[in-house]
């Protein structure tokens, strides 16, 4: 279905991956995994044709159709939601639109030949079921029928991205490429997507950090690490076991070769001056010269080392929310919500998208006003808030990573700032980057590091795992 031959991608002196050769087949679902910055999205972009490789090639059948999850919803803002989804199959959608135009002008002129050609295209692509398929996918992603004919602009950012996912799925391509499709999906929508992909007959390649999703969906895992991209059969759990076994085998092989060399050296050193053993010693020198020891590249997977510490504990009751209500126009999202949080509690807020989870958190931390009710933080409560959209937080800022982080701890010197950023995996080069040019994973790490240095005793985290490896 799709062949990758001797692929490499480099940026200056940095090698993401090289010597990558893979075969992706119809009916299989490939999870692409690896650390942030290892080259997963670059590999997917090369497969889609959006990025040129440094070496190698990607080939696929000429008539195969490619479906790529887009991120730019602004071009569709004025269009009905259902039409945006149907446009995933552009050839079919344009044929249907042109047919409607011919019918609308039939009283003045009817082009029977062109009408017949369009009808053939529609029938060949099963066009008369396109709208119902699009509606079914939207329902599965929790965008319900009453809003299907509303403009896309009426939806929130997270739901607009769902519409783009629905557009990609409705196109029914031969090869489906999805980059972090579960971001901004609630639990029920993720489960629906799992079932959809399990039944998908084409070839699917997915970049994801969601281990449960990968376990439930994937038949193969492509691991981007050690400057390679290697394929493993099975789901994520199978891959982890196989990778550890293979790494151990390679390390043991190197140890075996090193021990061989050490044994030869000891023999040569012991008997090189003894005439009766001279020939054997010389033979050992030759055998030792033939032993090759492979160098294993370092893994791109690294753990941040910063920790959340509190300056001092909060009072016993950390938060009291009483009779909270909030509406946006006619849509009431919160109605008489009351609860309390005690020091040491870990409270999960769950529910479908759009039901008011983020609104509740924003009211709690003072970023939104409630229509009614009260929020009372406990004695000595020091709140650290993580926003689920770090790109919105950083997109209008011109400062560097170092300057942004330093603004959260102005009392320390530059050396301490650099050391703390290093714990969050920001290198000497990274700290000079503009914050608005960071990847999603880098933005998340920077926001967490800035939170940690303030030493809060209450953490309020909105979708904290998005973009994290």
Protein backbone atom coordinates (compact mmCIF):
# COMPACT_ATOMS: atom_id res chain seq x y z
CA UNK A 1 0.00 0.00 0.00
CA UNK A 2 2.69 2.51 1.04
CA UNK A 3 6.45 1.98 0.87
CA UNK A 4 9.06 4.04 2.74
CA UNK A 5 12.60 3.56 1.44
CA UNK A 6 15.82 4.67 3.17
CA UNK A 7 14.15 7.78 4.60
CA UNK A 8 16.10 10.41 6.55
CA UNK A 9 15.27 13.82 8.00
CA UNK A 10 17.84 16.26 9.34
CA UNK A 11 17.74 19.88 10.48
CA UNK A 12 21.27 21.25 10.33
CA UNK A 13 23.42 19.04 12.57
CA UNK A 14 20.40 17.40 14.20
CA UNK A 15 19.35 14.00 12.83
CA UNK A 16 15.75 13.08 13.64
CA UNK A 17 15.91 9.72 11.87
CA UNK A 18 17.75 7.98 9.03
CA UNK A 19 17.82 4.65 7.15
CA UNK A 20 14.07 4.21 7.67
CA UNK A 21 12.48 1.56 5.44
CA UNK A 22 8.91 0.45 6.17
CA UNK A 23 5.93 -1.12 4.42
CA UNK A 24 2.44 0.06 5.52
CA UNK A 25 -0.46 -2.11 4.38
CA UNK A 26 -4.22 -1.77 4.01
CA UNK A 27 -6.19 -3.11 6.97
CA UNK A 28 -3.39 -2.34 9.43
CA UNK A 29 -3.26 0.51 11.94
CA UNK A 30 0.15 1.95 12.78
CA UNK A 31 0.77 3.97 15.93
CA UNK A 32 3.74 6.35 15.59
CA UNK A 33 5.28 6.94 19.03
CA UNK A 34 8.28 8.70 20.50
CA UNK A 35 9.35 11.64 22.62
CA UNK A 36 8.33 15.21 21.83
CA UNK A 37 10.75 16.46 19.17
CA UNK A 38 11.87 12.99 18.09
CA UNK A 39 10.39 13.38 14.60
CA UNK A 40 6.96 11.70 14.73
CA UNK A 41 5.05 14.57 13.14
CA UNK A 42 7.89 15.08 10.65
CA UNK A 43 7.59 11.44 9.58
CA UNK A 44 3.83 11.84 9.14
CA UNK A 45 4.31 15.09 7.18
CA UNK A 46 6.81 13.39 4.85
CA UNK A 47 4.35 10.53 4.24
CA UNK A 48 1.62 13.08 3.42
CA UNK A 49 3.92 14.99 1.03
CA UNK A 50 3.87 18.21 3.07
CA UNK A 51 7.56 17.91 4.02
CA UNK A 52 10.55 16.94 1.92
CA UNK A 53 12.86 14.25 3.32
CA UNK A 54 16.63 14.79 3.52
CA UNK A 55 17.06 11.39 1.86
CA UNK A 56 14.90 8.54 0.62
CA UNK A 57 11.40 8.30 -0.80
CA UNK A 58 7.77 7.46 -0.07
CA UNK A 59 5.75 5.70 -2.77
CA UNK A 60 2.08 4.75 -2.87
CA UNK A 61 -0.33 3.57 -5.58
CA UNK A 62 -1.15 6.37 -8.03
CA UNK A 63 -4.90 6.23 -7.53
CA UNK A 64 -4.82 5.85 -3.75
CA UNK A 65 -6.55 8.64 -1.83
CA UNK A 66 -4.83 10.26 1.14
CA UNK A 67 -6.71 11.65 4.15
CA UNK A 68 -4.79 14.04 6.44
CA UNK A 69 -6.18 15.59 9.63
CA UNK A 70 -6.02 19.36 9.12
CA UNK A 71 -5.71 22.00 11.86
CA UNK A 72 -6.81 25.13 9.96
CA UNK A 73 -10.55 25.56 10.47
CA UNK A 74 -10.58 29.29 9.61
CA UNK A 75 -11.12 28.65 5.90
CA UNK A 76 -14.50 27.04 6.66
CA UNK A 77 -15.91 29.43 9.30
CA UNK A 78 -18.94 30.60 7.27
CA UNK A 79 -19.91 27.15 5.94
CA UNK A 80 -22.54 24.83 7.44
CA UNK A 81 -20.92 22.20 9.68
CA UNK A 82 -22.33 19.27 7.69
CA UNK A 83 -20.95 20.74 4.44
CA UNK A 84 -17.47 21.10 5.96
CA UNK A 85 -17.52 17.38 6.76
CA UNK A 86 -18.87 16.40 3.32
CA UNK A 87 -16.09 18.43 1.68
CA UNK A 88 -13.65 15.79 2.88
CA UNK A 89 -14.50 13.96 -0.35
CA UNK A 90 -13.92 17.03 -2.49
CA UNK A 91 -14.52 15.38 -5.88
CA UNK A 92 -17.88 14.05 -4.75
CA UNK A 93 -18.94 17.21 -2.92
CA UNK A 94 -18.11 19.43 -5.91
CA UNK A 95 -19.99 17.07 -8.24
CA UNK A 96 -23.06 17.24 -5.98
CA UNK A 97 -22.84 21.04 -5.78
CA UNK A 98 -22.51 21.39 -9.57
CA UNK A 99 -25.47 19.04 -10.09
CA UNK A 100 -27.61 21.20 -7.79
CA UNK A 101 -26.55 24.28 -9.75
CA UNK A 102 -27.57 22.65 -13.07
CA UNK A 103 -30.97 21.75 -11.61
CA UNK A 104 -31.45 25.28 -10.26
CA UNK A 105 -30.88 26.74 -13.76
CA UNK A 106 -32.76 23.98 -15.63
CA UNK A 107 -35.57 26.29 -16.78
CA UNK A 108 -33.17 28.45 -18.81
CA UNK A 109 -30.62 25.81 -19.86
CA UNK A 110 -30.16 22.13 -18.99
CA UNK A 111 -26.80 20.53 -19.85
CA UNK A 112 -27.89 16.89 -20.09
CA UNK A 113 -24.42 15.56 -20.95
CA UNK A 114 -22.73 17.23 -18.01
CA UNK A 115 -25.61 16.22 -15.72
CA UNK A 116 -25.08 12.59 -16.75
CA UNK A 117 -21.33 12.82 -16.04
CA UNK A 118 -22.00 14.26 -12.58
CA UNK A 119 -24.62 11.62 -11.81
CA UNK A 120 -22.06 8.94 -12.73
CA UNK A 121 -19.48 10.46 -10.32
CA UNK A 122 -22.06 10.63 -7.52
CA UNK A 123 -23.18 7.04 -7.99
CA UNK A 124 -19.60 5.77 -8.26
CA UNK A 125 -18.72 7.42 -4.93
CA UNK A 126 -21.97 6.41 -3.20
CA UNK A 127 -22.80 10.10 -2.99
CA UNK A 128 -26.40 9.79 -1.92
CA UNK A 129 -25.30 8.40 1.44
CA UNK A 130 -22.56 11.03 1.98
CA UNK A 131 -24.68 13.36 4.10
CA UNK A 132 -25.96 10.55 6.32
CA UNK A 133 -22.37 9.23 6.78
CA UNK A 134 -21.17 12.73 7.67
CA UNK A 135 -24.03 13.15 10.17
CA UNK A 136 -23.29 9.78 11.77
CA UNK A 137 -19.61 10.69 12.26
CA UNK A 138 -20.53 14.09 13.73
CA UNK A 139 -22.93 12.38 16.17
CA UNK A 140 -20.16 9.94 17.15
CA UNK A 141 -17.92 12.92 17.94
CA UNK A 142 -20.74 14.43 20.06
CA UNK A 143 -21.75 17.17 17.59
CA UNK A 144 -25.49 16.63 17.56
CA UNK A 145 -27.99 16.90 14.69
CA UNK A 146 -29.66 20.22 15.69
CA UNK A 147 -26.43 22.15 14.95
CA UNK A 148 -25.33 20.31 11.78
CA UNK A 149 -26.56 23.10 9.48
CA UNK A 150 -25.22 25.94 11.65
CA UNK A 151 -22.05 27.78 10.50
CA UNK A 152 -18.79 26.29 11.76
CA UNK A 153 -18.04 29.63 13.45
CA UNK A 154 -20.73 28.91 16.08
CA UNK A 155 -18.63 26.12 17.61
CA UNK A 156 -15.82 26.42 20.15
CA UNK A 157 -12.22 25.80 19.06
CA UNK A 158 -12.16 22.21 20.35
CA UNK A 159 -15.37 21.31 18.52
CA UNK A 160 -14.12 22.94 15.30
CA UNK A 161 -11.15 20.55 15.42
CA UNK A 162 -13.63 17.68 15.84
CA UNK A 163 -15.37 18.81 12.65
CA UNK A 164 -12.03 18.67 10.81
CA UNK A 165 -11.50 15.15 12.19
CA UNK A 166 -14.99 14.22 10.97
CA UNK A 167 -14.11 15.69 7.55
CA UNK A 168 -11.05 13.45 7.30
CA UNK A 169 -12.95 10.33 8.38
CA UNK A 170 -15.94 10.97 6.09
CA UNK A 171 -13.64 11.16 3.05
CA UNK A 172 -12.99 7.39 3.44
CA UNK A 173 -9.44 7.64 2.07
CA UNK A 174 -7.27 4.62 1.32
CA UNK A 175 -4.56 5.98 3.63
CA UNK A 176 -5.59 7.87 6.77
CA UNK A 177 -2.98 10.03 8.57
CA UNK A 178 -3.95 11.37 12.01
CA UNK A 179 -1.71 13.57 14.19
CA UNK A 180 -2.85 13.44 17.84
CA UNK A 181 -6.55 12.91 17.00
CA UNK A 182 -7.62 12.41 20.65
CA UNK A 183 -6.61 15.93 21.74
CA UNK A 184 -9.78 17.86 22.67
CA UNK A 185 -11.92 14.70 22.59
CA UNK A 186 -13.87 13.60 25.65
CA UNK A 187 -13.85 10.00 26.87
CA UNK A 188 -16.99 8.91 24.98
CA UNK A 189 -15.75 10.42 21.70
CA UNK A 190 -12.38 8.69 22.07
CA UNK A 191 -14.15 5.35 22.56
CA UNK A 192 -16.27 6.00 19.44
CA UNK A 193 -13.13 6.85 17.43
CA UNK A 194 -11.47 3.62 18.62
CA UNK A 195 -14.38 1.55 17.27
CA UNK A 196 -14.45 3.54 14.00
CA UNK A 197 -10.75 2.90 13.37
CA UNK A 198 -10.96 -0.78 14.39
CA UNK A 199 -13.48 -1.27 11.57
CA UNK A 200 -11.59 0.89 9.04
CA UNK A 201 -10.56 -1.08 5.94
CA UNK A 202 -7.79 1.24 4.74
CA UNK A 203 -4.29 1.92 6.07
CA UNK A 204 -4.15 4.13 9.18
CA UNK A 205 -1.08 5.90 10.65
CA UNK A 206 -1.61 7.72 13.95
CA UNK A 207 0.71 9.93 16.01
CA UNK A 208 -0.50 9.70 19.61
CA UNK A 209 0.69 9.78 23.23
CA UNK A 210 -2.50 8.13 24.53
CA UNK A 211 -1.35 4.65 25.55
CA UNK A 212 -4.86 3.26 26.11
CA UNK A 213 -5.96 4.52 22.68
CA UNK A 214 -2.90 2.94 21.05
CA UNK A 215 -3.49 -0.35 22.87
CA UNK A 216 -7.11 -0.48 21.71
CA UNK A 217 -6.53 0.58 18.09
CA UNK A 218 -3.09 -0.37 16.77
CA UNK A 219 -1.93 -3.53 15.04
CA UNK A 220 1.64 -2.20 14.76
CA UNK A 221 3.79 0.43 16.49
CA UNK A 222 6.43 2.55 14.71
CA UNK A 223 8.90 3.75 17.34
CA UNK A 224 10.83 6.93 16.47
CA UNK A 225 13.89 6.77 18.73
CA UNK A 226 17.67 6.34 18.62
CA UNK A 227 17.63 8.26 15.27
CA UNK A 228 15.66 5.41 13.70
CA UNK A 229 12.04 4.47 13.10
CA UNK A 230 11.51 0.77 13.78
CA UNK A 231 8.28 -1.20 13.42
CA UNK A 232 6.95 -3.62 16.02
CA UNK A 233 3.99 -5.98 15.62
CA UNK A 234 1.19 -5.60 18.17
CA UNK A 235 -0.18 -2.77 20.29
CA UNK A 236 1.67 -0.38 22.60
CA UNK A 237 1.98 -2.88 25.46
CA UNK A 238 3.46 -5.47 23.07
CA UNK A 239 5.87 -2.85 21.68
CA UNK A 240 7.20 -1.86 25.12
CA UNK A 241 8.03 -5.48 25.95
CA UNK A 242 9.65 -6.18 22.56
CA UNK A 243 11.69 -2.97 22.63
CA UNK A 244 13.08 -3.67 26.08
CA UNK A 245 13.97 -7.22 25.08
CA UNK A 246 15.71 -6.03 21.89
CA UNK A 247 17.66 -3.29 23.71
CA UNK A 248 18.77 -5.78 26.37
CA UNK A 249 19.86 -8.19 23.64
CA UNK A 250 21.93 -5.48 21.91
CA UNK A 251 23.52 -4.35 25.20
CA UNK A 252 24.34 -7.94 26.16
CA UNK A 253 25.90 -8.51 22.73
CA UNK A 254 28.11 -5.45 23.22
CA UNK A 255 29.12 -6.64 26.70
CA UNK A 256 29.97 -10.04 25.22
CA UNK A 257 32.20 -8.46 22.55
CA UNK A 258 33.87 -6.20 25.13
CA UNK A 259 34.59 -9.22 27.36
CA UNK A 260 36.04 -11.04 24.34
CA UNK A 261 38.42 -8.15 23.69
CA UNK A 262 39.36 -7.99 27.39
CA UNK A 263 40.13 -11.73 27.39
CA UNK A 264 42.30 -11.39 24.27
CA UNK A 265 44.16 -8.42 25.76
CA UNK A 266 44.82 -10.32 28.99
CA UNK A 267 46.18 -13.34 27.08
CA UNK A 268 48.40 -11.16 24.85
CA UNK A 269 49.73 -9.21 27.82
CA UNK A 270 50.49 -12.40 29.72
CA UNK A 271 52.18 -14.38 26.95
CA UNK A 272 53.54 -11.84 24.43
CA UNK A 273 57.10 -12.29 25.75
CA UNK A 274 56.93 -16.10 25.94
CA UNK A 275 58.38 -17.71 22.81
CA UNK A 276 56.18 -20.83 22.99
CA UNK A 277 53.01 -18.70 23.07
CA UNK A 278 54.10 -15.94 20.65
CA UNK A 279 52.22 -17.44 17.69
CA UNK A 280 49.00 -17.75 19.75
CA UNK A 281 49.38 -14.20 21.03
CA UNK A 282 49.79 -12.90 17.47
CA UNK A 283 46.71 -14.88 16.40
CA UNK A 284 44.74 -13.26 19.21
CA UNK A 285 45.81 -9.80 18.04
CA UNK A 286 44.36 -10.54 14.59
CA UNK A 287 41.13 -11.98 16.01
CA UNK A 288 40.73 -9.00 18.34
CA UNK A 289 41.13 -6.58 15.41
CA UNK A 290 38.18 -8.23 13.63
CA UNK A 291 35.75 -7.74 16.53
CA UNK A 292 33.36 -4.86 15.86
CA UNK A 293 31.43 -3.22 18.66
CA UNK A 294 28.30 -1.34 17.63
CA UNK A 295 27.62 2.07 19.15
CA UNK A 296 24.05 2.38 20.37
CA UNK A 297 22.68 5.92 19.90
CA UNK A 298 21.16 7.65 22.92
CA UNK A 299 17.40 7.51 23.33
CA UNK A 300 15.42 10.67 22.58
CA UNK A 301 13.15 9.79 25.50
CA UNK A 302 13.99 11.90 28.55
CA UNK A 303 12.13 12.60 31.75
CA UNK A 304 11.75 16.14 33.10
CA UNK A 305 13.20 16.33 36.60
CA UNK A 306 11.45 19.35 38.12
CA UNK A 307 9.11 18.72 41.04
CA UNK A 308 6.03 20.44 42.41
CA UNK A 309 6.78 21.57 45.96
CA UNK A 310 4.65 23.78 48.18
CA UNK A 311 6.04 26.69 50.17
CA UNK A 312 3.58 25.88 52.94
CA UNK A 313 0.39 23.81 53.21
CA UNK A 314 -3.00 25.39 52.74
CA UNK A 315 -5.67 25.33 55.44
CA UNK A 316 -7.68 22.15 55.90
CA UNK A 317 -10.44 23.37 53.57
CA UNK A 318 -8.68 24.41 50.36
CA UNK A 319 -11.72 25.44 48.30
CA UNK A 320 -15.45 25.98 48.86
CA UNK A 321 -17.75 26.45 45.84
CA UNK A 322 -21.38 27.29 46.62
CA UNK A 323 -24.47 27.60 44.34
CA UNK A 324 -22.39 28.45 41.24
CA UNK A 325 -24.32 29.20 38.02
CA UNK A 326 -23.13 30.34 34.59
CA UNK A 327 -24.80 30.75 31.20
CA UNK A 328 -23.59 31.90 27.79
CA UNK A 329 -26.63 33.43 26.14
CA UNK A 330 -29.41 30.83 26.29
CA UNK A 331 -27.00 28.00 27.08
CA UNK A 332 -26.71 27.30 30.79
CA UNK A 333 -23.54 25.30 31.51
CA UNK A 334 -23.46 25.44 35.31
CA UNK A 335 -26.50 25.41 37.57
CA UNK A 336 -26.24 25.62 41.37
CA UNK A 337 -22.91 23.79 41.54
CA UNK A 338 -21.61 23.27 45.09
CA UNK A 339 -18.65 21.26 46.35
CA UNK A 340 -15.63 21.54 48.62
CA UNK A 341 -12.01 20.43 48.29
CA UNK A 342 -10.00 19.43 51.35
CA UNK A 343 -6.21 19.69 51.60
CA UNK A 344 -4.75 16.50 50.08
CA UNK A 345 -7.75 15.77 47.82
CA UNK A 346 -7.27 14.94 44.14
CA UNK A 347 -10.47 15.87 42.35
CA UNK A 348 -11.20 14.85 38.74
CA UNK A 349 -13.76 16.86 36.76
CA UNK A 350 -15.20 14.75 33.96
CA UNK A 351 -17.99 15.05 31.40
CA UNK A 352 -18.63 15.67 27.69
CA UNK A 353 -17.00 18.63 25.98
CA UNK A 354 -19.04 21.84 26.22
CA UNK A 355 -20.68 20.87 29.49
CA UNK A 356 -18.78 23.48 31.54
CA UNK A 357 -15.67 21.80 32.96
CA UNK A 358 -13.18 24.48 31.82
CA UNK A 359 -15.72 27.21 32.65
CA UNK A 360 -15.91 25.90 36.21
CA UNK A 361 -12.11 26.00 36.55
CA UNK A 362 -11.85 29.49 35.02
CA UNK A 363 -14.45 30.81 37.48
CA UNK A 364 -12.61 29.13 40.36
CA UNK A 365 -9.30 30.83 39.49
CA UNK A 366 -10.91 34.21 38.74
CA UNK A 367 -10.59 34.24 34.95
CA UNK A 368 -14.39 34.27 34.48
CA UNK A 369 -17.22 35.84 36.44
CA UNK A 370 -20.04 33.61 37.65
CA UNK A 371 -23.64 34.71 37.11
CA UNK A 372 -24.46 33.60 40.63
CA UNK A 373 -22.82 31.85 43.56
CA UNK A 374 -19.47 32.11 45.29
CA UNK A 375 -15.92 30.73 45.24
CA UNK A 376 -13.92 30.86 48.46
CA UNK A 377 -10.31 29.72 48.67
CA UNK A 378 -9.08 28.47 52.01
CA UNK A 379 -6.52 29.96 54.37
CA UNK A 380 -3.03 30.21 52.79
CA UNK A 381 -4.26 28.65 49.51
CA UNK A 382 -1.71 29.42 46.75
CA UNK A 383 -3.21 28.43 43.40
CA UNK A 384 -1.26 27.25 40.35
CA UNK A 385 -3.45 27.19 37.22
CA UNK A 386 -2.60 25.31 34.01
CA UNK A 387 -4.54 26.46 30.93
CA UNK A 388 -5.45 23.78 28.36
CA UNK A 389 -4.54 26.12 25.47
CA UNK A 390 -0.89 27.16 26.02
CA UNK A 391 -0.64 28.26 22.35
CA UNK A 392 -3.22 31.00 23.07
CA UNK A 393 -1.22 32.01 26.14
CA UNK A 394 2.04 32.30 24.17
CA UNK A 395 1.01 33.33 20.63
CA UNK A 396 1.04 37.08 21.33
CA UNK A 397 4.26 37.11 23.36
CA UNK A 398 7.62 38.02 21.81
CA UNK A 399 9.85 36.97 24.72
CA UNK A 400 12.22 34.01 24.82
CA UNK A 401 11.76 30.87 26.90
CA UNK A 402 14.38 32.15 29.33
CA UNK A 403 12.73 35.59 29.73
CA UNK A 404 9.25 34.12 30.19
CA UNK A 405 10.43 31.68 32.85
CA UNK A 406 12.58 34.31 34.62
CA UNK A 407 9.53 36.58 34.95
CA UNK A 408 8.05 33.91 37.26
CA UNK A 409 11.13 33.87 39.54
CA UNK A 410 12.80 37.32 39.18
CA UNK A 411 14.58 36.95 42.53
CA UNK A 412 17.01 34.26 41.26
CA UNK A 413 20.05 34.72 39.00
CA UNK A 414 20.57 33.60 35.40
CA UNK A 415 22.47 30.45 36.37
CA UNK A 416 19.58 29.22 38.49
CA UNK A 417 17.10 30.02 35.69
CA UNK A 418 19.14 27.99 33.19
CA UNK A 419 19.46 25.09 35.66
CA UNK A 420 15.73 25.01 36.35
CA UNK A 421 14.92 25.12 32.64
CA UNK A 422 17.38 22.26 32.05
CA UNK A 423 15.35 20.17 34.52
CA UNK A 424 12.36 20.80 32.23
CA UNK A 425 14.47 19.56 29.25
CA UNK A 426 15.21 22.98 27.71
CA UNK A 427 18.77 23.02 26.32
CA UNK A 428 21.08 26.03 25.95
CA UNK A 429 19.71 26.50 22.43
CA UNK A 430 16.08 26.01 23.46
CA UNK A 431 16.09 28.80 26.05
CA UNK A 432 16.72 31.37 23.31
CA UNK A 433 13.67 30.30 21.29
CA UNK A 434 10.66 32.60 21.11
CA UNK A 435 7.83 31.15 23.21
CA UNK A 436 5.34 31.54 20.34
CA UNK A 437 7.49 29.24 18.14
CA UNK A 438 7.54 26.32 20.58
CA UNK A 439 5.87 22.99 19.83
CA UNK A 440 2.79 21.98 21.80
CA UNK A 441 4.85 19.69 24.04
CA UNK A 442 7.46 22.40 24.70
CA UNK A 443 4.74 24.93 25.57
CA UNK A 444 3.23 22.44 28.02
CA UNK A 445 6.60 21.77 29.70
CA UNK A 446 7.35 25.50 29.98
CA UNK A 447 3.96 26.22 31.54
CA UNK A 448 4.47 23.39 34.05
CA UNK A 449 8.00 24.58 34.89
CA UNK A 450 6.72 28.13 35.45
CA UNK A 451 4.01 26.75 37.74
CA UNK A 452 6.45 24.61 39.73
CA UNK A 453 8.86 27.46 40.47
CA UNK A 454 6.05 29.41 42.19
CA UNK A 455 5.58 26.50 44.65
CA UNK A 456 1.74 26.50 44.82
CA UNK A 457 -0.15 24.30 47.26
CA UNK A 458 -3.26 23.91 45.05
CA UNK A 459 -2.94 22.80 41.42
CA UNK A 460 -5.81 23.51 39.00
CA UNK A 461 -5.03 21.63 35.77
CA UNK A 462 -7.17 21.88 32.62
CA UNK A 463 -6.36 19.00 30.18
CA UNK A 464 -2.75 18.74 31.43
CA UNK A 465 -1.82 15.68 29.31
CA UNK A 466 -2.52 17.24 25.91
CA UNK A 467 0.72 17.33 23.86
CA UNK A 468 2.77 15.54 26.54
CA UNK A 469 4.72 12.40 25.59
